[in-house]
N, C-alpha and C. Protein backbone atom coordinates (compact mmCIF):
# COMPACT_ATOMS: atom_id res chain seq x y z
N MET A 1 95.99 102.68 67.20
CA MET A 1 94.54 102.09 68.29
C MET A 1 94.83 103.83 68.77
N LYS A 2 93.08 103.92 69.07
CA LYS A 2 92.45 105.17 68.60
C LYS A 2 92.48 105.43 70.68
N GLN A 3 92.84 106.53 70.82
CA GLN A 3 93.19 106.79 72.04
C GLN A 3 91.24 107.11 73.18
N PRO A 4 91.04 106.42 74.48
CA PRO A 4 89.99 107.34 74.39
C PRO A 4 89.99 108.00 74.91
N ARG A 5 88.79 109.04 74.45
CA ARG A 5 87.80 110.16 75.53
C ARG A 5 88.44 110.63 75.97
N PRO A 6 88.21 111.46 76.79
CA PRO A 6 88.17 112.26 78.11
C PRO A 6 87.35 112.25 78.53
N ARG A 7 86.99 111.81 79.73
CA ARG A 7 85.44 111.91 80.56
C ARG A 7 85.69 113.34 81.38
N LEU A 8 84.19 113.31 81.08
CA LEU A 8 83.81 114.74 81.66
C LEU A 8 82.87 113.98 82.50
N SER A 9 82.75 115.33 84.00
CA SER A 9 81.74 115.27 84.91
C SER A 9 81.47 116.96 85.13
N LEU A 10 80.27 117.27 84.54
CA LEU A 10 80.34 118.75 84.09
C LEU A 10 78.31 119.02 84.81
N THR A 11 78.50 120.25 86.00
CA THR A 11 78.10 120.71 86.58
C THR A 11 77.80 122.19 85.96
N VAL A 12 75.83 122.83 85.61
CA VAL A 12 76.39 124.12 85.36
C VAL A 12 75.83 124.59 86.65
N GLN A 13 75.32 125.98 86.68
CA GLN A 13 75.49 126.36 88.09
C GLN A 13 74.64 128.30 87.64
N TYR A 14 73.32 127.99 86.71
CA TYR A 14 73.35 129.77 86.82
C TYR A 14 72.93 130.29 88.18
N ALA A 15 74.27 131.64 88.58
CA ALA A 15 73.69 132.47 89.85
C ALA A 15 72.87 134.11 89.51
N ILE A 16 72.99 134.05 88.68
CA ILE A 16 72.03 135.03 87.45
C ILE A 16 71.13 134.95 86.69
N ALA A 17 70.22 134.95 86.43
CA ALA A 17 69.22 135.25 85.77
C ALA A 17 69.00 134.77 84.43
N ASP A 18 69.12 134.75 83.03
CA ASP A 18 68.99 135.40 81.92
C ASP A 18 68.85 134.40 81.17
N HIS A 19 67.67 134.45 80.25
CA HIS A 19 67.21 133.29 79.10
C HIS A 19 68.40 133.55 78.01
N ASP A 20 69.09 134.21 77.88
CA ASP A 20 69.83 134.20 76.08
C ASP A 20 71.19 133.20 76.72
N LEU A 21 71.72 132.95 78.02
CA LEU A 21 72.67 131.78 78.31
C LEU A 21 72.47 130.57 77.73
N PRO A 22 73.66 130.27 77.06
CA PRO A 22 73.61 128.55 76.91
C PRO A 22 72.83 127.66 77.79
N ALA A 23 72.24 126.74 77.03
CA ALA A 23 71.88 125.21 78.19
C ALA A 23 73.18 124.43 77.77
N ARG A 24 72.20 123.71 79.07
CA ARG A 24 73.66 122.59 79.90
C ARG A 24 74.03 122.22 78.55
N PRO A 25 73.51 121.52 77.02
CA PRO A 25 73.71 120.50 76.58
C PRO A 25 74.61 120.80 75.50
N LEU A 26 74.42 122.01 75.16
CA LEU A 26 75.45 122.95 74.12
C LEU A 26 77.06 123.54 75.03
N LEU A 27 76.85 123.35 76.45
CA LEU A 27 78.01 123.79 77.31
C LEU A 27 78.59 122.83 76.67
N ARG A 28 78.08 121.92 77.44
CA ARG A 28 78.70 120.35 77.36
C ARG A 28 79.63 120.29 76.33
N ARG A 29 79.50 119.93 75.56
CA ARG A 29 79.47 120.12 73.85
C ARG A 29 80.97 120.69 73.91
N TRP A 30 80.44 122.71 74.55
CA TRP A 30 81.66 123.48 74.10
C TRP A 30 82.97 122.89 75.54
N VAL A 31 82.65 122.69 76.35
CA VAL A 31 83.45 121.83 77.63
C VAL A 31 84.67 120.94 76.77
N ALA A 32 83.46 119.76 76.15
CA ALA A 32 84.33 118.91 75.55
C ALA A 32 85.33 118.54 74.78
N ALA A 33 85.11 119.82 73.88
CA ALA A 33 85.69 119.89 73.34
C ALA A 33 87.35 120.04 72.87
N ALA A 34 87.15 121.11 74.16
CA ALA A 34 88.61 121.38 74.96
C ALA A 34 89.46 120.71 76.34
N LEU A 35 89.00 119.44 76.24
CA LEU A 35 89.37 118.80 77.41
C LEU A 35 90.04 117.70 76.47
N GLU A 36 91.53 117.79 77.44
CA GLU A 36 92.63 116.86 76.89
C GLU A 36 92.52 115.82 78.10
N THR A 37 91.94 116.30 79.20
CA THR A 37 92.23 115.07 80.60
C THR A 37 91.13 114.03 80.99
N ASP A 38 90.99 113.47 81.69
CA ASP A 38 89.56 113.71 82.57
C ASP A 38 89.16 114.88 83.37
N VAL A 39 88.30 115.65 83.63
CA VAL A 39 87.69 116.61 84.33
C VAL A 39 86.22 116.67 84.60
N ALA A 40 86.19 116.91 86.08
CA ALA A 40 85.29 117.13 86.68
C ALA A 40 85.59 118.70 87.61
N VAL A 41 83.94 119.33 86.87
CA VAL A 41 83.59 120.93 86.68
C VAL A 41 82.85 121.63 86.61
N THR A 42 82.51 121.99 87.82
CA THR A 42 81.59 123.51 87.28
C THR A 42 81.81 124.32 86.93
N VAL A 43 81.23 124.45 85.81
CA VAL A 43 80.47 126.22 84.93
C VAL A 43 79.21 126.54 85.29
N ARG A 44 80.24 127.90 86.05
CA ARG A 44 78.80 128.59 87.16
C ARG A 44 78.73 130.02 86.17
N PHE A 45 77.60 130.28 85.94
CA PHE A 45 77.84 131.86 85.85
C PHE A 45 76.79 132.83 86.64
N ILE A 46 78.09 134.05 86.92
CA ILE A 46 78.13 135.04 88.33
C ILE A 46 77.26 136.33 87.24
N ASP A 47 77.09 137.20 88.56
CA ASP A 47 76.69 138.36 87.71
C ASP A 47 78.55 138.97 88.46
N ALA A 48 78.09 140.42 88.18
CA ALA A 48 79.48 141.32 88.40
C ALA A 48 80.29 141.72 89.87
N VAL A 49 79.16 141.38 90.62
CA VAL A 49 79.89 141.53 91.78
C VAL A 49 80.31 140.51 92.51
N GLU A 50 79.98 138.97 91.96
CA GLU A 50 80.75 137.67 92.98
C GLU A 50 82.16 137.83 91.68
N ALA A 51 81.92 138.43 90.59
CA ALA A 51 82.71 137.96 89.34
C ALA A 51 84.21 138.72 90.33
N ARG A 52 83.47 140.33 90.47
CA ARG A 52 84.56 141.43 91.28
C ARG A 52 85.08 141.03 92.47
N LYS A 53 84.38 140.31 93.11
CA LYS A 53 84.52 139.52 95.00
C LYS A 53 85.87 138.45 94.60
N LEU A 54 85.11 137.51 93.42
CA LEU A 54 86.19 136.37 93.18
C LEU A 54 88.13 137.22 92.34
N ASN A 55 87.52 138.45 91.85
CA ASN A 55 88.76 138.77 91.21
C ASN A 55 89.82 139.12 91.97
N ARG A 56 88.96 140.06 93.27
CA ARG A 56 90.11 140.91 94.56
C ARG A 56 90.72 139.19 94.81
N THR A 57 90.21 138.45 95.26
CA THR A 57 90.51 137.70 96.59
C THR A 57 91.11 136.89 95.80
N TYR A 58 91.13 136.20 95.10
CA TYR A 58 91.87 135.14 94.51
C TYR A 58 92.95 135.80 92.94
N ARG A 59 93.08 137.08 93.10
CA ARG A 59 94.30 137.43 91.52
C ARG A 59 94.79 138.92 92.14
N ALA A 60 94.26 139.37 92.97
CA ALA A 60 94.38 141.23 93.93
C ALA A 60 94.25 142.33 92.88
N LYS A 61 93.06 141.77 92.25
CA LYS A 61 92.55 142.86 90.79
C LYS A 61 91.20 142.90 91.09
N ASP A 62 90.91 144.25 91.23
CA ASP A 62 89.69 144.87 92.10
C ASP A 62 89.07 145.24 90.61
N TYR A 63 88.57 144.19 90.08
CA TYR A 63 86.93 144.69 88.64
C TYR A 63 86.94 143.65 88.50
N ALA A 64 85.57 143.26 88.10
CA ALA A 64 84.93 142.27 87.58
C ALA A 64 85.50 141.27 86.03
N THR A 65 85.90 140.60 85.82
CA THR A 65 86.78 139.80 84.89
C THR A 65 85.63 138.99 84.19
N ASN A 66 85.64 138.19 82.83
CA ASN A 66 84.69 137.85 81.94
C ASN A 66 85.41 136.32 82.38
N VAL A 67 86.38 135.78 82.67
CA VAL A 67 86.15 134.19 82.73
C VAL A 67 87.38 134.25 83.88
N LEU A 68 87.29 133.90 85.02
CA LEU A 68 87.98 132.48 85.77
C LEU A 68 87.78 130.88 85.96
N SER A 69 89.34 131.14 86.21
CA SER A 69 88.99 129.09 86.27
C SER A 69 89.76 129.01 87.57
N PHE A 70 89.32 127.99 88.32
CA PHE A 70 90.06 127.09 89.10
C PHE A 70 91.00 125.76 89.84
N VAL A 71 91.91 125.05 89.49
CA VAL A 71 91.55 124.21 90.03
C VAL A 71 91.62 123.92 91.42
N TYR A 72 91.24 122.50 92.10
CA TYR A 72 91.28 121.93 93.20
C TYR A 72 92.14 120.64 93.48
N ASP A 73 92.11 120.03 92.79
CA ASP A 73 93.23 118.89 92.92
C ASP A 73 93.03 117.99 91.64
N ALA A 74 93.50 116.87 91.48
CA ALA A 74 93.43 115.41 90.32
C ALA A 74 93.18 114.48 91.67
N GLU A 75 91.76 114.49 91.56
CA GLU A 75 91.72 112.96 92.86
C GLU A 75 91.65 111.89 91.98
N CYS A 76 92.50 110.75 91.74
CA CYS A 76 92.05 109.39 90.78
C CYS A 76 92.63 110.03 89.60
N GLY A 77 93.30 110.33 89.07
CA GLY A 77 93.23 111.04 87.63
C GLY A 77 92.60 112.00 87.49
N VAL A 78 91.73 112.77 87.84
CA VAL A 78 90.70 113.25 87.60
C VAL A 78 90.40 114.90 88.06
N LEU A 79 90.95 115.48 86.87
CA LEU A 79 91.30 117.31 86.85
C LEU A 79 89.92 117.51 87.74
N ARG A 80 89.81 118.43 89.08
CA ARG A 80 88.48 118.69 89.85
C ARG A 80 88.89 120.25 89.66
N GLY A 81 87.92 121.03 89.47
CA GLY A 81 87.74 122.58 88.88
C GLY A 81 86.54 123.29 88.34
N ASP A 82 86.39 124.60 88.63
CA ASP A 82 85.27 125.51 88.04
C ASP A 82 85.64 126.45 87.26
N VAL A 83 85.10 126.80 86.65
CA VAL A 83 84.89 127.59 85.86
C VAL A 83 83.80 128.86 86.31
N ALA A 84 84.07 130.00 86.16
CA ALA A 84 83.24 131.27 86.85
C ALA A 84 82.85 132.30 85.25
N LEU A 85 82.09 132.92 84.86
CA LEU A 85 81.59 133.04 83.95
C LEU A 85 80.83 134.80 84.00
N CYS A 86 81.37 135.77 83.70
CA CYS A 86 81.14 137.20 84.29
C CYS A 86 79.76 137.47 83.11
N VAL A 87 78.23 137.15 83.51
CA VAL A 87 77.02 137.32 81.96
C VAL A 87 77.34 139.01 82.04
N PRO A 88 77.23 139.71 83.00
CA PRO A 88 77.40 141.55 82.89
C PRO A 88 78.92 141.68 81.33
N VAL A 89 79.77 141.65 81.85
CA VAL A 89 81.26 141.12 81.21
C VAL A 89 81.18 140.30 79.80
N LEU A 90 80.84 139.40 80.04
CA LEU A 90 80.25 138.71 78.48
C LEU A 90 80.16 139.70 77.14
N LYS A 91 78.99 140.27 77.91
CA LYS A 91 77.60 140.51 76.74
C LYS A 91 78.28 142.05 76.22
N SER A 92 78.79 142.41 77.62
CA SER A 92 79.54 144.02 77.00
C SER A 92 80.78 143.25 75.72
N GLU A 93 81.41 142.84 75.84
CA GLU A 93 82.59 142.42 75.25
C GLU A 93 81.87 142.10 74.33
N ALA A 94 80.92 140.82 74.11
CA ALA A 94 80.24 140.04 72.97
C ALA A 94 79.70 140.96 71.80
N THR A 95 78.90 142.49 72.69
CA THR A 95 78.59 143.64 71.90
C THR A 95 79.76 144.14 71.04
N ALA A 96 80.51 144.81 72.47
CA ALA A 96 82.16 145.65 71.61
C ALA A 96 82.44 144.93 70.85
N TYR A 97 83.07 143.23 70.59
CA TYR A 97 83.63 142.79 69.72
C TYR A 97 82.76 141.93 68.39
N GLY A 98 81.32 142.62 68.56
CA GLY A 98 80.28 142.32 67.21
C GLY A 98 80.65 141.55 67.38
N LYS A 99 80.63 140.11 68.38
CA LYS A 99 80.00 139.13 68.60
C LYS A 99 79.12 138.37 69.17
N SER A 100 77.88 137.59 68.55
CA SER A 100 76.74 136.96 69.38
C SER A 100 77.40 136.55 70.87
N LEU A 101 76.04 136.59 71.67
CA LEU A 101 76.53 136.27 73.35
C LEU A 101 76.97 134.55 72.64
N ALA A 102 76.52 134.28 72.03
CA ALA A 102 76.97 132.63 72.13
C ALA A 102 78.68 132.51 71.92
N THR A 103 78.92 132.91 70.61
CA THR A 103 80.32 132.99 70.10
C THR A 103 81.16 133.29 70.83
N HIS A 104 80.67 134.15 72.29
CA HIS A 104 82.03 134.73 73.09
C HIS A 104 82.11 133.88 74.08
N CYS A 105 81.17 133.30 74.48
CA CYS A 105 80.48 132.34 75.09
C CYS A 105 81.47 131.41 75.43
N ALA A 106 81.05 130.33 73.51
CA ALA A 106 81.85 130.03 73.36
C ALA A 106 83.45 129.55 73.66
N HIS A 107 83.59 130.85 73.48
CA HIS A 107 85.00 131.82 73.24
C HIS A 107 85.37 130.88 74.88
N LEU A 108 85.10 131.73 75.78
CA LEU A 108 85.52 132.33 76.95
C LEU A 108 85.49 130.65 78.06
N VAL A 109 83.94 129.67 77.51
CA VAL A 109 83.99 128.20 77.62
C VAL A 109 85.68 128.15 77.19
N VAL A 110 85.92 127.35 76.73
CA VAL A 110 86.93 126.66 75.94
C VAL A 110 88.28 127.89 76.46
N HIS A 111 88.12 128.83 77.11
CA HIS A 111 89.65 129.55 77.04
C HIS A 111 89.95 129.27 78.99
N GLY A 112 88.70 129.13 79.58
CA GLY A 112 88.40 128.62 81.30
C GLY A 112 88.87 126.99 81.31
N MET A 113 88.55 126.42 80.38
CA MET A 113 88.53 124.80 80.18
C MET A 113 90.75 124.89 79.91
N LEU A 114 90.83 125.37 78.78
CA LEU A 114 92.21 125.73 78.70
C LEU A 114 93.16 126.13 80.15
N HIS A 115 92.52 126.90 80.65
CA HIS A 115 93.34 127.53 82.00
C HIS A 115 93.35 126.60 82.89
N LEU A 116 92.18 125.53 82.82
CA LEU A 116 92.24 124.05 84.01
C LEU A 116 93.08 123.48 84.02
N GLN A 117 93.15 123.34 82.51
CA GLN A 117 94.40 121.89 81.95
C GLN A 117 95.72 122.99 81.76
N GLY A 118 95.56 124.03 82.47
CA GLY A 118 97.10 124.26 82.27
C GLY A 118 97.69 125.51 81.52
N TYR A 119 96.65 125.28 81.22
CA TYR A 119 97.35 126.53 79.79
C TYR A 119 97.54 128.40 80.42
N ASN A 120 98.07 128.63 80.02
CA ASN A 120 98.33 130.49 80.72
C ASN A 120 98.58 131.37 79.42
N HIS A 121 98.72 132.36 79.07
CA HIS A 121 98.68 133.51 78.39
C HIS A 121 99.80 134.45 79.62
N GLU A 122 100.67 134.34 80.24
CA GLU A 122 101.21 135.98 80.98
C GLU A 122 102.49 135.86 79.47
N HIS A 123 103.17 134.55 79.18
CA HIS A 123 104.31 134.96 78.61
C HIS A 123 104.07 134.83 76.92
N ALA A 124 104.50 135.14 75.73
CA ALA A 124 103.65 135.46 74.17
C ALA A 124 103.98 134.34 73.79
N ALA A 125 105.17 132.90 74.75
CA ALA A 125 105.05 131.86 73.17
C ALA A 125 103.96 131.53 74.14
N ASP A 126 103.54 131.43 75.64
CA ASP A 126 102.27 130.81 76.09
C ASP A 126 101.73 131.02 75.44
N ALA A 127 100.68 132.72 75.33
CA ALA A 127 99.90 132.95 74.80
C ALA A 127 99.84 132.69 73.27
N ALA A 128 100.48 132.77 72.60
CA ALA A 128 100.62 132.00 71.38
C ALA A 128 100.29 130.68 71.02
N ARG A 129 100.84 129.49 71.70
CA ARG A 129 100.50 127.98 71.99
C ARG A 129 98.77 128.05 72.43
N MET A 130 98.05 129.35 73.90
CA MET A 130 97.29 128.95 73.87
C MET A 130 95.46 129.18 73.12
N GLU A 131 96.45 130.64 72.18
CA GLU A 131 95.65 130.76 70.99
C GLU A 131 95.14 130.45 69.85
N ALA A 132 96.40 129.74 69.18
CA ALA A 132 95.99 128.67 68.58
C ALA A 132 95.33 127.13 68.60
N ARG A 133 95.69 126.67 70.38
CA ARG A 133 94.87 125.84 70.39
C ARG A 133 93.42 126.45 70.91
N GLU A 134 93.30 127.32 71.67
CA GLU A 134 91.48 127.67 71.65
C GLU A 134 90.79 127.88 69.72
N SER A 135 91.68 128.56 69.68
CA SER A 135 91.32 128.67 67.87
C SER A 135 91.51 127.18 66.69
N ALA A 136 91.56 126.41 67.56
CA ALA A 136 91.03 125.40 66.72
C ALA A 136 90.11 124.78 67.11
N ILE A 137 89.99 124.69 68.67
CA ILE A 137 88.79 123.95 69.02
C ILE A 137 87.32 124.64 68.64
N LEU A 138 87.77 125.80 68.60
CA LEU A 138 86.57 127.00 68.60
C LEU A 138 86.13 126.60 66.45
N VAL A 139 86.98 126.58 65.56
CA VAL A 139 86.40 126.48 64.17
C VAL A 139 85.97 124.85 64.06
N GLN A 140 86.43 124.01 64.82
CA GLN A 140 85.76 122.65 65.06
C GLN A 140 84.86 122.51 65.74
N LEU A 141 84.43 123.25 66.03
CA LEU A 141 82.52 123.78 66.77
C LEU A 141 81.90 124.39 66.11
N GLY A 142 82.89 125.21 65.17
CA GLY A 142 82.17 125.85 63.76
C GLY A 142 81.89 127.32 63.33
N PHE A 143 82.26 127.73 64.75
CA PHE A 143 82.65 129.17 65.66
C PHE A 143 83.98 129.92 64.14
N PRO A 144 83.99 130.98 64.34
CA PRO A 144 85.20 131.77 63.61
C PRO A 144 86.31 131.72 64.62
N ASP A 145 87.58 131.61 63.89
CA ASP A 145 88.41 131.94 64.96
C ASP A 145 88.37 132.91 65.66
N PRO A 146 88.33 133.45 66.68
CA PRO A 146 88.46 134.53 67.25
C PRO A 146 89.19 135.45 67.12
N TYR A 147 90.65 134.72 67.16
CA TYR A 147 91.19 135.92 66.42
C TYR A 147 92.50 136.57 65.48
N VAL A 148 91.23 136.03 64.70
CA VAL A 148 92.05 136.42 63.08
C VAL A 148 91.00 137.75 62.91
N GLY A 149 91.60 138.63 62.64
CA GLY A 149 91.04 140.33 62.32
C GLY A 149 90.24 140.88 63.71
N ALA A 150 90.90 140.42 64.77
CA ALA A 150 90.64 141.40 65.57
C ALA A 150 90.94 142.41 65.95
N PRO A 151 90.35 143.28 66.90
CA PRO A 151 90.82 144.32 67.09
C PRO A 151 91.60 144.17 68.28
N PRO A 152 93.39 144.90 68.35
CA PRO A 152 93.71 144.91 69.30
C PRO A 152 93.49 144.07 70.88
N MET A 153 92.29 145.01 71.58
CA MET A 153 92.00 144.64 72.53
C MET A 153 90.83 143.54 73.10
N ALA A 154 90.71 143.34 71.75
CA ALA A 154 90.27 141.79 71.82
C ALA A 154 90.95 140.54 71.78
N ARG A 155 91.99 140.83 71.55
CA ARG A 155 93.33 139.63 71.47
C ARG A 155 93.08 139.58 72.45
N ARG A 156 92.98 139.93 73.93
CA ARG A 156 93.64 139.48 75.31
C ARG A 156 92.48 139.06 75.57
N ALA A 157 91.03 139.27 74.99
CA ALA A 157 89.76 139.86 75.98
C ALA A 157 89.70 138.53 77.11
N PRO A 158 90.15 137.24 76.66
CA PRO A 158 89.73 136.66 78.16
C PRO A 158 90.49 137.39 79.25
N ARG A 159 90.51 137.52 80.60
CA ARG A 159 91.83 138.54 81.46
C ARG A 159 91.54 137.38 82.63
């Protein structure tokens, strides 16, 4: 018998104006592809000032990072949280890695969603598991594997 697909409640916030950012239907597709459980999530696009403040406050790291995930709780079996994406960092990294903004953004949305669901890359075995899952999801979505042929600095791009 086929397992029911996880349920998704998605809110998208554009706190930074940028016409190059993916539209809600595309984000919904990327988020849904990474789901392993029922989720209520807000995906928020932010500027470098907000990203730095969040990273400093919640991770004690004083720089703007590309993606941050925040888990709040699991109410009635639904995981609730936020994924914040820093647009200037996304754009800079996409250019540095020779990727389109959409390709890099899809990778970081998937990466953030996996963090939300408990994946991490603190240890080599955990990183390998997370990267394998990211690669499988992105290939399923029609994107290239982000880790094949990636320069060493891109292997840990999501930080």
